[in-house]
Amino acid sequence: MADVAALAGVSGQTVSRVVNGSPRVDPDTRARVEAAMQRLGYRPHPAARALRTGRSRTIGLVVSSLATVGNSRTLQSVADAAASRGYALMVVTLGSAGAIGDAFDQLRDQGVDGAIVLNEATRLARASAPPPGLRLVVVDSLPDERFGIVQTDHADGARRAVAHLLGLGHRTVHHLAGPKGSFAASERERGWREALAASGSAGTDIEQAAPAVRGDWSAASGHAVGARLAADSSVTAVFAGNDQMALGLLRALGEAGRRVPEDVSVVGFDDVVDAADYRPPLTTVRQDFDVLGERAVAALVSGIETAAAPGVDIVPTALVVRASTAPPSRR
């Protein structure tokens, strides 16, 4: 650092400010210091910085599995957002760590400054006692004053999906739900029930649907469980808890000789990259994984750097209408 300061003609303190991203350096001086760093091949030493500041500029991420589209897309967003802020990312899956307490211990041993807990793992985080001093932000969770919370407005998205199907003239909407214990699945199921109840209480001739059938987020479970819906000739509209299960449902309906959307309308949730290329293109609720990951990192870094109090940040959804929904057949 002293060599950089001498070459740039500035003080060591100014070099330190540039290295740490301080705004208290004018642009010309910053450019001169960065040019000197590049010429000398100078790179800050992370371990030395951690010893000096007490921060590693590393955050952790705890996830139950990366096999689901939502988790993998959120991981990508978290990684990008962390890198843009100069933070490294350490990922721990519960499959490798075992209990969530072991995952927290791994992160603490690596000296992370804080961690993000994704989706299905948040239920375990709420039931655990995280190590003292480990700041956490959880993605999709019931309220908990110990954590910052960032979540998609799953219930509102589900209400939009069901309202769309009822608005087309379907007398009820069946639900292919996600797994028990999932916050996202329970919130989407709640929105489905509330939309049906609201339409009925408003005087609309709406039938209450049968209980939800339940999958595990995978297309295979959507196909297996969706076969029960496909075999029921009274089913004309289905809200699937995610796009992968909707894909399996589309296959089950085709195998049963039921056309989409002529015989059965289908709406998914997530708006995965391939949803527009399903056959037919899938009407779905868009969940913005990029915003979700960005806001989770922003909340965590804010807590680390400013000791901001944990809060709740809710990310809205949007209905994307494609060719898998239509008014019910009157034949």
C-alpha atoms as a PDB file:
ATOM      1  CA  MET A   1       0.000   0.000   0.000  1.00  0.00           C
ATOM      2  CA  ALA A   2       2.918   2.326   0.744  1.00  0.00           C
ATOM      3  CA  ASP A   3       4.337   1.655  -2.741  1.00  0.00           C
ATOM      4  CA  VAL A   4       0.956   2.485  -4.304  1.00  0.00           C
ATOM      5  CA  ALA A   5       0.764   5.696  -2.288  1.00  0.00           C
ATOM      6  CA  ALA A   6       4.262   6.748  -3.373  1.00  0.00           C
ATOM      7  CA  LEU A   7       3.597   6.054  -7.062  1.00  0.00           C
ATOM      8  CA  ALA A   8       0.248   7.850  -7.009  1.00  0.00           C
ATOM      9  CA  GLY A   9       1.572  10.763  -4.965  1.00  0.00           C
ATOM     10  CA  VAL A  10      -1.025  10.395  -2.215  1.00  0.00           C
ATOM     11  CA  SER A  11      -1.133   9.335   1.413  1.00  0.00           C
ATOM     12  CA  GLY A  12      -1.557   5.745   2.581  1.00  0.00           C
ATOM     13  CA  GLN A  13      -4.888   6.774   4.070  1.00  0.00           C
ATOM     14  CA  THR A  14      -6.125   7.847   0.625  1.00  0.00           C
ATOM     15  CA  VAL A  15      -5.110   4.468  -0.830  1.00  0.00           C
ATOM     16  CA  SER A  16      -7.011   2.776   2.009  1.00  0.00           C
ATOM     17  CA  ARG A  17     -10.099   4.820   1.225  1.00  0.00           C
ATOM     18  CA  VAL A  18      -9.956   3.829  -2.447  1.00  0.00           C
ATOM     19  CA  VAL A  19      -9.488   0.153  -1.567  1.00  0.00           C
ATOM     20  CA  ASN A  20     -12.476   0.240   0.794  1.00  0.00           C
ATOM     21  CA  GLY A  21     -14.734   2.091  -1.648  1.00  0.00           C
ATOM     22  CA  SER A  22     -15.026   5.259   0.406  1.00  0.00           C
ATOM     23  CA  PRO A  23     -16.897   8.116  -1.305  1.00  0.00           C
ATOM     24  CA  ARG A  24     -14.473  10.598   0.294  1.00  0.00           C
ATOM     25  CA  VAL A  25     -12.059  10.484  -2.662  1.00  0.00           C
ATOM     26  CA  ASP A  26     -12.390  12.743  -5.701  1.00  0.00           C
ATOM     27  CA  PRO A  27     -12.625  10.953  -9.083  1.00  0.00           C
ATOM     28  CA  ASP A  28      -9.226  12.121 -10.395  1.00  0.00           C
ATOM     29  CA  THR A  29      -7.407  10.934  -7.288  1.00  0.00           C
ATOM     30  CA  ARG A  30      -9.289   7.632  -7.326  1.00  0.00           C
ATOM     31  CA  ALA A  31      -8.306   7.073 -10.976  1.00  0.00           C
ATOM     32  CA  ARG A  32      -4.643   7.858 -10.172  1.00  0.00           C
ATOM     33  CA  VAL A  33      -4.595   5.414  -7.263  1.00  0.00           C
ATOM     34  CA  GLU A  34      -6.326   2.674  -9.279  1.00  0.00           C
ATOM     35  CA  ALA A  35      -3.812   3.165 -12.112  1.00  0.00           C
ATOM     36  CA  ALA A  36      -0.944   2.804  -9.616  1.00  0.00           C
ATOM     37  CA  MET A  37      -2.516  -0.340  -8.169  1.00  0.00           C
ATOM     38  CA  GLN A  38      -2.826  -1.838 -11.630  1.00  0.00           C
ATOM     39  CA  ARG A  39       0.747  -0.916 -12.605  1.00  0.00           C
ATOM     40  CA  LEU A  40       2.188  -2.448  -9.430  1.00  0.00           C
ATOM     41  CA  GLY A  41      -0.119  -5.477  -9.470  1.00  0.00           C
ATOM     42  CA  TYR A  42      -1.447  -4.538  -6.032  1.00  0.00           C
ATOM     43  CA  ARG A  43      -4.413  -6.509  -4.675  1.00  0.00           C
ATOM     44  CA  PRO A  44      -5.872  -6.063  -1.178  1.00  0.00           C
ATOM     45  CA  HIS A  45      -5.276  -9.049   1.105  1.00  0.00           C
ATOM     46  CA  PRO A  46      -8.697 -10.299   2.315  1.00  0.00           C
ATOM     47  CA  ALA A  47      -7.371 -12.004   5.445  1.00  0.00           C
ATOM     48  CA  ALA A  48      -5.438  -8.927   6.505  1.00  0.00           C
ATOM     49  CA  ARG A  49      -8.448  -6.725   5.875  1.00  0.00           C
ATOM     50  CA  ALA A  50     -10.632  -9.063   7.949  1.00  0.00           C
ATOM     51  CA  LEU A  51      -8.200  -8.876  10.847  1.00  0.00           C
ATOM     52  CA  ARG A  52      -8.156  -5.089  10.656  1.00  0.00           C
ATOM     53  CA  THR A  53     -11.888  -4.481  10.216  1.00  0.00           C
ATOM     54  CA  GLY A  54     -13.414  -7.494  11.936  1.00  0.00           C
ATOM     55  CA  ARG A  55     -15.337  -8.306   8.750  1.00  0.00           C
ATOM     56  CA  SER A  56     -14.595 -10.930   6.137  1.00  0.00           C
ATOM     57  CA  ARG A  57     -16.797  -9.391   3.421  1.00  0.00           C
ATOM     58  CA  THR A  58     -18.210 -12.867   2.933  1.00  0.00           C
ATOM     59  CA  ILE A  59     -21.860 -13.792   3.326  1.00  0.00           C
ATOM     60  CA  GLY A  60     -23.382 -17.235   3.537  1.00  0.00           C
ATOM     61  CA  LEU A  61     -26.412 -18.808   1.944  1.00  0.00           C
ATOM     62  CA  VAL A  62     -28.278 -21.771   3.449  1.00  0.00           C
ATOM     63  CA  VAL A  63     -30.588 -23.727   1.171  1.00  0.00           C
ATOM     64  CA  SER A  64     -32.297 -27.095   1.518  1.00  0.00           C
ATOM     65  CA  SER A  65     -31.698 -28.037  -2.119  1.00  0.00           C
ATOM     66  CA  LEU A  66     -30.661 -26.413  -5.375  1.00  0.00           C
ATOM     67  CA  ALA A  67     -32.732 -28.838  -7.455  1.00  0.00           C
ATOM     68  CA  THR A  68     -35.750 -26.537  -7.679  1.00  0.00           C
ATOM     69  CA  VAL A  69     -35.912 -23.748 -10.235  1.00  0.00           C
ATOM     70  CA  GLY A  70     -36.796 -21.120  -7.644  1.00  0.00           C
ATOM     71  CA  ASN A  71     -33.845 -21.902  -5.395  1.00  0.00           C
ATOM     72  CA  SER A  72     -31.316 -22.034  -8.218  1.00  0.00           C
ATOM     73  CA  ARG A  73     -32.552 -18.780  -9.757  1.00  0.00           C
ATOM     74  CA  THR A  74     -32.525 -17.018  -6.395  1.00  0.00           C
ATOM     75  CA  LEU A  75     -28.993 -18.304  -5.759  1.00  0.00           C
ATOM     76  CA  GLN A  76     -27.858 -16.759  -9.060  1.00  0.00           C
ATOM     77  CA  SER A  77     -29.400 -13.436  -8.111  1.00  0.00           C
ATOM     78  CA  VAL A  78     -27.854 -13.527  -4.620  1.00  0.00           C
ATOM     79  CA  ALA A  79     -24.424 -14.328  -6.068  1.00  0.00           C
ATOM     80  CA  ASP A  80     -24.624 -11.453  -8.553  1.00  0.00           C
ATOM     81  CA  ALA A  81     -25.856  -8.971  -5.944  1.00  0.00           C
ATOM     82  CA  ALA A  82     -23.161  -9.985  -3.444  1.00  0.00           C
ATOM     83  CA  ALA A  83     -20.397  -9.658  -6.037  1.00  0.00           C
ATOM     84  CA  SER A  84     -21.603  -6.206  -7.060  1.00  0.00           C
ATOM     85  CA  ARG A  85     -21.130  -5.104  -3.443  1.00  0.00           C
ATOM     86  CA  GLY A  86     -17.690  -6.650  -3.090  1.00  0.00           C
ATOM     87  CA  TYR A  87     -18.843  -9.625  -1.004  1.00  0.00           C
ATOM     88  CA  ALA A  88     -17.897 -13.258  -1.543  1.00  0.00           C
ATOM     89  CA  LEU A  89     -20.562 -15.946  -1.158  1.00  0.00           C
ATOM     90  CA  MET A  90     -20.382 -19.293   0.629  1.00  0.00           C
ATOM     91  CA  VAL A  91     -23.215 -21.748  -0.066  1.00  0.00           C
ATOM     92  CA  VAL A  92     -24.231 -24.545   2.320  1.00  0.00           C
ATOM     93  CA  THR A  93     -26.934 -27.051   1.398  1.00  0.00           C
ATOM     94  CA  LEU A  94     -28.711 -28.957   4.135  1.00  0.00           C
ATOM     95  CA  GLY A  95     -28.027 -32.142   2.208  1.00  0.00           C
ATOM     96  CA  SER A  96     -24.305 -31.694   2.866  1.00  0.00           C
ATOM     97  CA  ALA A  97     -24.496 -30.025   6.273  1.00  0.00           C
ATOM     98  CA  GLY A  98     -27.233 -32.122   7.872  1.00  0.00           C
ATOM     99  CA  ALA A  99     -29.136 -30.102  10.501  1.00  0.00           C
ATOM    100  CA  ILE A 100     -29.482 -26.380  10.018  1.00  0.00           C
ATOM    101  CA  GLY A 101     -27.514 -25.830  13.210  1.00  0.00           C
ATOM    102  CA  ASP A 102     -24.569 -27.574  11.555  1.00  0.00           C
ATOM    103  CA  ALA A 103     -24.967 -25.284   8.528  1.00  0.00           C
ATOM    104  CA  PHE A 104     -24.816 -22.228  10.786  1.00  0.00           C
ATOM    105  CA  ASP A 105     -21.745 -23.652  12.521  1.00  0.00           C
ATOM    106  CA  GLN A 106     -20.019 -24.118   9.142  1.00  0.00           C
ATOM    107  CA  LEU A 107     -20.696 -20.530   8.222  1.00  0.00           C
ATOM    108  CA  ARG A 108     -19.573 -19.220  11.600  1.00  0.00           C
ATOM    109  CA  ASP A 109     -16.344 -21.228  11.353  1.00  0.00           C
ATOM    110  CA  GLN A 110     -15.683 -19.608   7.964  1.00  0.00           C
ATOM    111  CA  GLY A 111     -16.101 -16.173   9.543  1.00  0.00           C
ATOM    112  CA  VAL A 112     -19.018 -14.981   7.414  1.00  0.00           C
ATOM    113  CA  ASP A 113     -20.488 -11.590   8.264  1.00  0.00           C
ATOM    114  CA  GLY A 114     -24.080 -12.784   7.874  1.00  0.00           C
ATOM    115  CA  ALA A 115     -26.248 -15.247   5.973  1.00  0.00           C
ATOM    116  CA  ILE A 116     -29.345 -15.604   3.824  1.00  0.00           C
ATOM    117  CA  VAL A 117     -31.660 -18.571   4.355  1.00  0.00           C
ATOM    118  CA  LEU A 118     -33.769 -19.653   1.385  1.00  0.00           C
ATOM    119  CA  ASN A 119     -37.344 -20.861   1.161  1.00  0.00           C
ATOM    120  CA  GLU A 120     -37.866 -24.355   2.621  1.00  0.00           C
ATOM    121  CA  ALA A 121     -34.930 -23.924   5.022  1.00  0.00           C
ATOM    122  CA  THR A 122     -36.544 -20.890   6.668  1.00  0.00           C
ATOM    123  CA  ARG A 123     -38.931 -23.050   8.697  1.00  0.00           C
ATOM    124  CA  LEU A 124     -35.916 -24.812  10.199  1.00  0.00           C
ATOM    125  CA  ALA A 125     -34.184 -21.493  10.855  1.00  0.00           C
ATOM    126  CA  ARG A 126     -37.164 -20.220  12.826  1.00  0.00           C
ATOM    127  CA  ALA A 127     -37.105 -23.346  14.989  1.00  0.00           C
ATOM    128  CA  SER A 128     -33.369 -23.090  15.666  1.00  0.00           C
ATOM    129  CA  ALA A 129     -31.101 -20.869  17.713  1.00  0.00           C
ATOM    130  CA  PRO A 130     -28.611 -19.239  15.308  1.00  0.00           C
ATOM    131  CA  PRO A 131     -25.127 -18.502  16.675  1.00  0.00           C
ATOM    132  CA  PRO A 132     -24.947 -15.171  18.505  1.00  0.00           C
ATOM    133  CA  GLY A 133     -23.817 -12.352  16.268  1.00  0.00           C
ATOM    134  CA  LEU A 134     -24.721 -14.103  13.006  1.00  0.00           C
ATOM    135  CA  ARG A 135     -27.053 -11.680  11.245  1.00  0.00           C
ATOM    136  CA  LEU A 136     -29.683 -13.452   9.141  1.00  0.00           C
ATOM    137  CA  VAL A 137     -32.091 -12.541   6.369  1.00  0.00           C
ATOM    138  CA  VAL A 138     -34.626 -15.212   5.459  1.00  0.00           C
ATOM    139  CA  VAL A 139     -36.407 -15.472   2.129  1.00  0.00           C
ATOM    140  CA  ASP A 140     -40.075 -16.435   2.577  1.00  0.00           C
ATOM    141  CA  SER A 141     -40.991 -16.784   6.229  1.00  0.00           C
ATOM    142  CA  LEU A 142     -43.597 -16.049   8.829  1.00  0.00           C
ATOM    143  CA  PRO A 143     -42.810 -12.920  10.883  1.00  0.00           C
ATOM    144  CA  ASP A 144     -39.855 -13.305  13.234  1.00  0.00           C
ATOM    145  CA  GLU A 145     -38.255 -10.303  14.905  1.00  0.00           C
ATOM    146  CA  ARG A 146     -34.867 -12.049  15.007  1.00  0.00           C
ATOM    147  CA  PHE A 147     -34.455 -11.948  11.224  1.00  0.00           C
ATOM    148  CA  GLY A 148     -34.789  -9.639   8.300  1.00  0.00           C
ATOM    149  CA  ILE A 149     -37.443 -11.046   5.955  1.00  0.00           C
ATOM    150  CA  VAL A 150     -37.764 -10.720   2.187  1.00  0.00           C
ATOM    151  CA  GLN A 151     -40.667 -12.531   0.589  1.00  0.00           C
ATOM    152  CA  THR A 152     -42.726 -12.783  -2.547  1.00  0.00           C
ATOM    153  CA  ASP A 153     -46.393 -11.861  -2.204  1.00  0.00           C
ATOM    154  CA  HIS A 154     -47.433 -15.442  -2.904  1.00  0.00           C
ATOM    155  CA  ALA A 155     -51.009 -15.100  -1.673  1.00  0.00           C
ATOM    156  CA  ASP A 156     -51.732 -12.096  -3.860  1.00  0.00           C
ATOM    157  CA  GLY A 157     -50.250 -13.871  -6.868  1.00  0.00           C
ATOM    158  CA  ALA A 158     -52.503 -16.850  -6.232  1.00  0.00           C
ATOM    159  CA  ARG A 159     -55.528 -14.580  -5.899  1.00  0.00           C
ATOM    160  CA  ARG A 160     -54.698 -13.019  -9.274  1.00  0.00           C
ATOM    161  CA  ALA A 161     -54.431 -16.464 -10.881  1.00  0.00           C
ATOM    162  CA  VAL A 162     -57.759 -17.659  -9.490  1.00  0.00           C
ATOM    163  CA  ALA A 163     -59.522 -14.370 -10.279  1.00  0.00           C
ATOM    164  CA  HIS A 164     -58.324 -14.677 -13.884  1.00  0.00           C
ATOM    165  CA  LEU A 165     -59.796 -18.174 -14.211  1.00  0.00           C
ATOM    166  CA  LEU A 166     -63.076 -17.217 -12.546  1.00  0.00           C
ATOM    167  CA  GLY A 167     -63.268 -14.133 -14.752  1.00  0.00           C
ATOM    168  CA  LEU A 168     -63.146 -16.396 -17.798  1.00  0.00           C
ATOM    169  CA  GLY A 169     -66.316 -18.079 -16.578  1.00  0.00           C
ATOM    170  CA  HIS A 170     -65.077 -21.164 -14.732  1.00  0.00           C
ATOM    171  CA  ARG A 171     -67.369 -22.015 -11.817  1.00  0.00           C
ATOM    172  CA  THR A 172     -64.511 -23.153  -9.615  1.00  0.00           C
ATOM    173  CA  VAL A 173     -60.739 -23.627  -9.659  1.00  0.00           C
ATOM    174  CA  HIS A 174     -58.928 -26.725  -8.425  1.00  0.00           C
ATOM    175  CA  HIS A 175     -55.489 -26.449  -6.873  1.00  0.00           C
ATOM    176  CA  LEU A 176     -52.364 -28.555  -7.365  1.00  0.00           C
ATOM    177  CA  ALA A 177     -50.483 -27.419  -4.267  1.00  0.00           C
ATOM    178  CA  GLY A 178     -46.854 -27.563  -3.184  1.00  0.00           C
ATOM    179  CA  PRO A 179     -45.530 -29.599  -0.241  1.00  0.00           C
ATOM    180  CA  LYS A 180     -46.667 -29.231   3.341  1.00  0.00           C
ATOM    181  CA  GLY A 181     -44.295 -27.217   5.479  1.00  0.00           C
ATOM    182  CA  SER A 182     -43.405 -24.836   2.643  1.00  0.00           C
ATOM    183  CA  PHE A 183     -44.220 -21.197   3.366  1.00  0.00           C
ATOM    184  CA  ALA A 184     -44.641 -20.448  -0.349  1.00  0.00           C
ATOM    185  CA  ALA A 185     -46.977 -23.418  -0.843  1.00  0.00           C
ATOM    186  CA  SER A 186     -49.144 -22.512   2.139  1.00  0.00           C
ATOM    187  CA  GLU A 187     -49.383 -18.859   1.098  1.00  0.00           C
ATOM    188  CA  ARG A 188     -50.373 -19.795  -2.470  1.00  0.00           C
ATOM    189  CA  GLU A 189     -52.968 -22.186  -1.104  1.00  0.00           C
ATOM    190  CA  ARG A 190     -54.292 -19.427   1.155  1.00  0.00           C
ATOM    191  CA  GLY A 191     -54.619 -17.048  -1.788  1.00  0.00           C
ATOM    192  CA  TRP A 192     -56.502 -19.721  -3.766  1.00  0.00           C
ATOM    193  CA  ARG A 193     -58.990 -20.272  -0.947  1.00  0.00           C
ATOM    194  CA  GLU A 194     -59.463 -16.550  -0.335  1.00  0.00           C
ATOM    195  CA  ALA A 195     -60.137 -15.822  -4.014  1.00  0.00           C
ATOM    196  CA  LEU A 196     -62.810 -18.518  -4.190  1.00  0.00           C
ATOM    197  CA  ALA A 197     -64.388 -17.329  -0.947  1.00  0.00           C
ATOM    198  CA  ALA A 198     -64.374 -13.693  -2.071  1.00  0.00           C
ATOM    199  CA  SER A 199     -66.083 -14.530  -5.353  1.00  0.00           C
ATOM    200  CA  GLY A 200     -68.738 -16.577  -3.588  1.00  0.00           C
ATOM    201  CA  SER A 201     -69.428 -13.907  -0.981  1.00  0.00           C
ATOM    202  CA  ALA A 202     -69.767 -11.315  -3.757  1.00  0.00           C
ATOM    203  CA  GLY A 203     -72.802 -13.165  -5.094  1.00  0.00           C
ATOM    204  CA  THR A 204     -71.028 -14.879  -7.973  1.00  0.00           C
ATOM    205  CA  ASP A 205     -72.245 -18.387  -8.743  1.00  0.00           C
ATOM    206  CA  ILE A 206     -69.002 -20.016  -7.646  1.00  0.00           C
ATOM    207  CA  GLU A 207     -68.638 -23.573  -6.396  1.00  0.00           C
ATOM    208  CA  GLN A 208     -66.128 -24.274  -3.649  1.00  0.00           C
ATOM    209  CA  ALA A 209     -63.410 -26.551  -5.004  1.00  0.00           C
ATOM    210  CA  ALA A 210     -62.485 -29.934  -3.574  1.00  0.00           C
ATOM    211  CA  PRO A 211     -59.470 -30.056  -1.262  1.00  0.00           C
ATOM    212  CA  ALA A 212     -56.131 -29.335  -2.881  1.00  0.00           C
ATOM    213  CA  VAL A 213     -54.070 -32.201  -4.219  1.00  0.00           C
ATOM    214  CA  ARG A 214     -50.429 -31.951  -3.252  1.00  0.00           C
ATOM    215  CA  GLY A 215     -47.151 -32.419  -5.104  1.00  0.00           C
ATOM    216  CA  ASP A 216     -43.518 -31.756  -4.214  1.00  0.00           C
ATOM    217  CA  TRP A 217     -42.726 -28.956  -6.737  1.00  0.00           C
ATOM    218  CA  SER A 218     -41.394 -31.405  -9.356  1.00  0.00           C
ATOM    219  CA  ALA A 219     -42.874 -32.035 -12.805  1.00  0.00           C
ATOM    220  CA  ALA A 220     -42.989 -35.754 -11.972  1.00  0.00           C
ATOM    221  CA  SER A 221     -45.229 -35.099  -8.970  1.00  0.00           C
ATOM    222  CA  GLY A 222     -47.400 -32.786 -11.079  1.00  0.00           C
ATOM    223  CA  HIS A 223     -47.899 -35.617 -13.537  1.00  0.00           C
ATOM    224  CA  ALA A 224     -48.560 -38.291 -10.913  1.00  0.00           C
ATOM    225  CA  VAL A 225     -50.895 -36.269  -8.699  1.00  0.00           C
ATOM    226  CA  GLY A 226     -52.386 -34.321 -11.617  1.00  0.00           C
ATOM    227  CA  ALA A 227     -53.654 -37.570 -13.112  1.00  0.00           C
ATOM    228  CA  ARG A 228     -56.398 -37.489 -10.473  1.00  0.00           C
ATOM    229  CA  LEU A 229     -57.516 -34.084 -11.690  1.00  0.00           C
ATOM    230  CA  ALA A 230     -57.246 -35.144 -15.334  1.00  0.00           C
ATOM    231  CA  ALA A 231     -59.576 -38.105 -14.689  1.00  0.00           C
ATOM    232  CA  ASP A 232     -62.299 -35.879 -13.210  1.00  0.00           C
ATOM    233  CA  SER A 233     -64.487 -34.570 -16.032  1.00  0.00           C
ATOM    234  CA  SER A 234     -65.864 -31.818 -13.782  1.00  0.00           C
ATOM    235  CA  VAL A 235     -62.430 -30.153 -13.551  1.00  0.00           C
ATOM    236  CA  THR A 236     -62.243 -27.244 -16.004  1.00  0.00           C
ATOM    237  CA  ALA A 237     -59.625 -25.000 -14.348  1.00  0.00           C
ATOM    238  CA  VAL A 238     -56.508 -25.755 -12.298  1.00  0.00           C
ATOM    239  CA  PHE A 239     -54.122 -23.425 -10.484  1.00  0.00           C
ATOM    240  CA  ALA A 240     -50.792 -25.240 -10.095  1.00  0.00           C
ATOM    241  CA  GLY A 241     -48.474 -24.200  -7.271  1.00  0.00           C
ATOM    242  CA  ASN A 242     -45.500 -23.827  -9.615  1.00  0.00           C
ATOM    243  CA  ASP A 243     -44.660 -24.106 -13.306  1.00  0.00           C
ATOM    244  CA  GLN A 244     -42.834 -27.421 -12.976  1.00  0.00           C
ATOM    245  CA  MET A 245     -45.905 -29.130 -11.516  1.00  0.00           C
ATOM    246  CA  ALA A 246     -48.008 -27.423 -14.182  1.00  0.00           C
ATOM    247  CA  LEU A 247     -45.793 -29.042 -16.817  1.00  0.00           C
ATOM    248  CA  GLY A 248     -46.487 -32.491 -15.355  1.00  0.00           C
ATOM    249  CA  LEU A 249     -50.182 -31.669 -15.191  1.00  0.00           C
ATOM    250  CA  LEU A 250     -50.220 -30.707 -18.867  1.00  0.00           C
ATOM    251  CA  ARG A 251     -48.802 -34.135 -19.693  1.00  0.00           C
ATOM    252  CA  ALA A 252     -51.388 -35.891 -17.498  1.00  0.00           C
ATOM    253  CA  LEU A 253     -54.226 -33.972 -19.145  1.00  0.00           C
ATOM    254  CA  GLY A 254     -52.921 -34.855 -22.617  1.00  0.00           C
ATOM    255  CA  GLU A 255     -52.700 -38.532 -21.699  1.00  0.00           C
ATOM    256  CA  ALA A 256     -56.307 -38.403 -20.487  1.00  0.00           C
ATOM    257  CA  GLY A 257     -57.410 -36.928 -23.804  1.00  0.00           C
ATOM    258  CA  ARG A 258     -58.256 -33.552 -22.305  1.00  0.00           C
ATOM    259  CA  ARG A 259     -57.238 -30.486 -24.295  1.00  0.00           C
ATOM    260  CA  VAL A 260     -55.684 -27.346 -22.822  1.00  0.00           C
ATOM    261  CA  PRO A 261     -57.247 -24.815 -22.782  1.00  0.00           C
ATOM    262  CA  GLU A 262     -60.383 -26.078 -24.614  1.00  0.00           C
ATOM    263  CA  ASP A 263     -61.297 -28.604 -21.897  1.00  0.00           C
ATOM    264  CA  VAL A 264     -59.134 -27.496 -18.955  1.00  0.00           C
ATOM    265  CA  SER A 265     -57.428 -24.165 -18.295  1.00  0.00           C
ATOM    266  CA  VAL A 266     -54.122 -24.247 -16.403  1.00  0.00           C
ATOM    267  CA  VAL A 267     -52.246 -21.490 -14.556  1.00  0.00           C
ATOM    268  CA  GLY A 268     -48.817 -21.966 -12.980  1.00  0.00           C
ATOM    269  CA  PHE A 269     -46.619 -19.899 -10.680  1.00  0.00           C
ATOM    270  CA  ASP A 270     -43.031 -18.587 -11.086  1.00  0.00           C
ATOM    271  CA  ASP A 271     -42.830 -17.830 -14.833  1.00  0.00           C
ATOM    272  CA  VAL A 272     -39.768 -20.000 -15.369  1.00  0.00           C
ATOM    273  CA  VAL A 273     -37.675 -19.298 -18.464  1.00  0.00           C
ATOM    274  CA  ASP A 274     -39.304 -22.139 -20.420  1.00  0.00           C
ATOM    275  CA  ALA A 275     -42.931 -21.358 -19.486  1.00  0.00           C
ATOM    276  CA  ALA A 276     -43.541 -19.481 -22.734  1.00  0.00           C
ATOM    277  CA  ASP A 277     -42.412 -22.610 -24.646  1.00  0.00           C
ATOM    278  CA  TYR A 278     -44.691 -25.101 -22.901  1.00  0.00           C
ATOM    279  CA  ARG A 279     -47.381 -26.630 -25.102  1.00  0.00           C
ATOM    280  CA  PRO A 280     -49.500 -24.575 -24.940  1.00  0.00           C
ATOM    281  CA  PRO A 281     -47.544 -21.539 -23.627  1.00  0.00           C
ATOM    282  CA  LEU A 282     -48.323 -21.321 -19.932  1.00  0.00           C
ATOM    283  CA  THR A 283     -50.335 -18.621 -18.220  1.00  0.00           C
ATOM    284  CA  THR A 284     -48.519 -18.096 -14.936  1.00  0.00           C
ATOM    285  CA  VAL A 285     -47.767 -15.766 -12.042  1.00  0.00           C
ATOM    286  CA  ARG A 286     -44.374 -14.116 -12.420  1.00  0.00           C
ATOM    287  CA  GLN A 287     -42.182 -14.221  -9.343  1.00  0.00           C
ATOM    288  CA  ASP A 288     -39.219 -11.857  -9.714  1.00  0.00           C
ATOM    289  CA  PHE A 289     -36.278 -13.931  -8.497  1.00  0.00           C
ATOM    290  CA  ASP A 290     -33.786 -11.241  -9.512  1.00  0.00           C
ATOM    291  CA  VAL A 291     -35.450  -8.662  -7.269  1.00  0.00           C
ATOM    292  CA  LEU A 292     -35.886 -11.209  -4.483  1.00  0.00           C
ATOM    293  CA  GLY A 293     -32.171 -12.029  -4.368  1.00  0.00           C
ATOM    294  CA  GLU A 294     -31.105  -8.406  -4.771  1.00  0.00           C
ATOM    295  CA  ARG A 295     -33.291  -7.233  -1.898  1.00  0.00           C
ATOM    296  CA  ALA A 296     -32.181 -10.092   0.352  1.00  0.00           C
ATOM    297  CA  VAL A 297     -28.535  -9.143  -0.160  1.00  0.00           C
ATOM    298  CA  ALA A 298     -29.312  -5.443   0.258  1.00  0.00           C
ATOM    299  CA  ALA A 299     -31.091  -6.106   3.557  1.00  0.00           C
ATOM    300  CA  LEU A 300     -28.262  -8.292   4.845  1.00  0.00           C
ATOM    301  CA  VAL A 301     -25.467  -5.905   3.844  1.00  0.00           C
ATOM    302  CA  SER A 302     -27.369  -2.983   5.348  1.00  0.00           C
ATOM    303  CA  GLY A 303     -27.619  -4.868   8.625  1.00  0.00           C
ATOM    304  CA  ILE A 304     -23.940  -5.772   8.547  1.00  0.00           C
ATOM    305  CA  GLU A 305     -22.633  -2.325   7.678  1.00  0.00           C
ATOM    306  CA  THR A 306     -25.108  -0.053   9.474  1.00  0.00           C
ATOM    307  CA  ALA A 307     -26.659  -2.318  12.129  1.00  0.00           C
ATOM    308  CA  ALA A 308     -30.076  -1.493  10.656  1.00  0.00           C
ATOM    309  CA  ALA A 309     -32.983  -3.161  12.448  1.00  0.00           C
ATOM    310  CA  PRO A 310     -34.472  -6.226  10.715  1.00  0.00           C
ATOM    311  CA  GLY A 311     -37.533  -5.475   8.600  1.00  0.00           C
ATOM    312  CA  VAL A 312     -39.972  -7.108   6.199  1.00  0.00           C
ATOM    313  CA  ASP A 313     -39.784  -6.484   2.444  1.00  0.00           C
ATOM    314  CA  ILE A 314     -42.570  -7.900   0.250  1.00  0.00           C
ATOM    315  CA  VAL A 315     -41.945  -8.301  -3.496  1.00  0.00           C
ATOM    316  CA  PRO A 316     -45.080  -8.080  -5.701  1.00  0.00           C
ATOM    317  CA  THR A 317     -46.030 -10.565  -8.421  1.00  0.00           C
ATOM    318  CA  ALA A 318     -47.604 -10.162 -11.870  1.00  0.00           C
ATOM    319  CA  LEU A 319     -49.979 -12.350 -13.853  1.00  0.00           C
ATOM    320  CA  VAL A 320     -48.691 -13.285 -17.311  1.00  0.00           C
ATOM    321  CA  VAL A 321     -51.537 -14.450 -19.563  1.00  0.00           C
ATOM    322  CA  ARG A 322     -50.672 -16.888 -22.344  1.00  0.00           C
ATOM    323  CA  ALA A 323     -52.477 -19.609 -24.284  1.00  0.00           C
ATOM    324  CA  SER A 324     -53.168 -22.177 -21.515  1.00  0.00           C
ATOM    325  CA  THR A 325     -56.314 -20.431 -20.270  1.00  0.00           C
ATOM    326  CA  ALA A 326     -59.661 -19.793 -21.972  1.00  0.00           C
ATOM    327  CA  PRO A 327     -63.387 -19.669 -21.175  1.00  0.00           C
ATOM    328  CA  PRO A 328     -64.830 -23.103 -20.324  1.00  0.00           C
ATOM    329  CA  SER A 329     -66.312 -25.182 -23.139  1.00  0.00           C
ATOM    330  CA  ARG A 330     -70.130 -25.043 -23.240  1.00  0.00           C
ATOM    331  CA  ARG A 331     -70.524 -28.413 -24.936  1.00  0.00           C
END
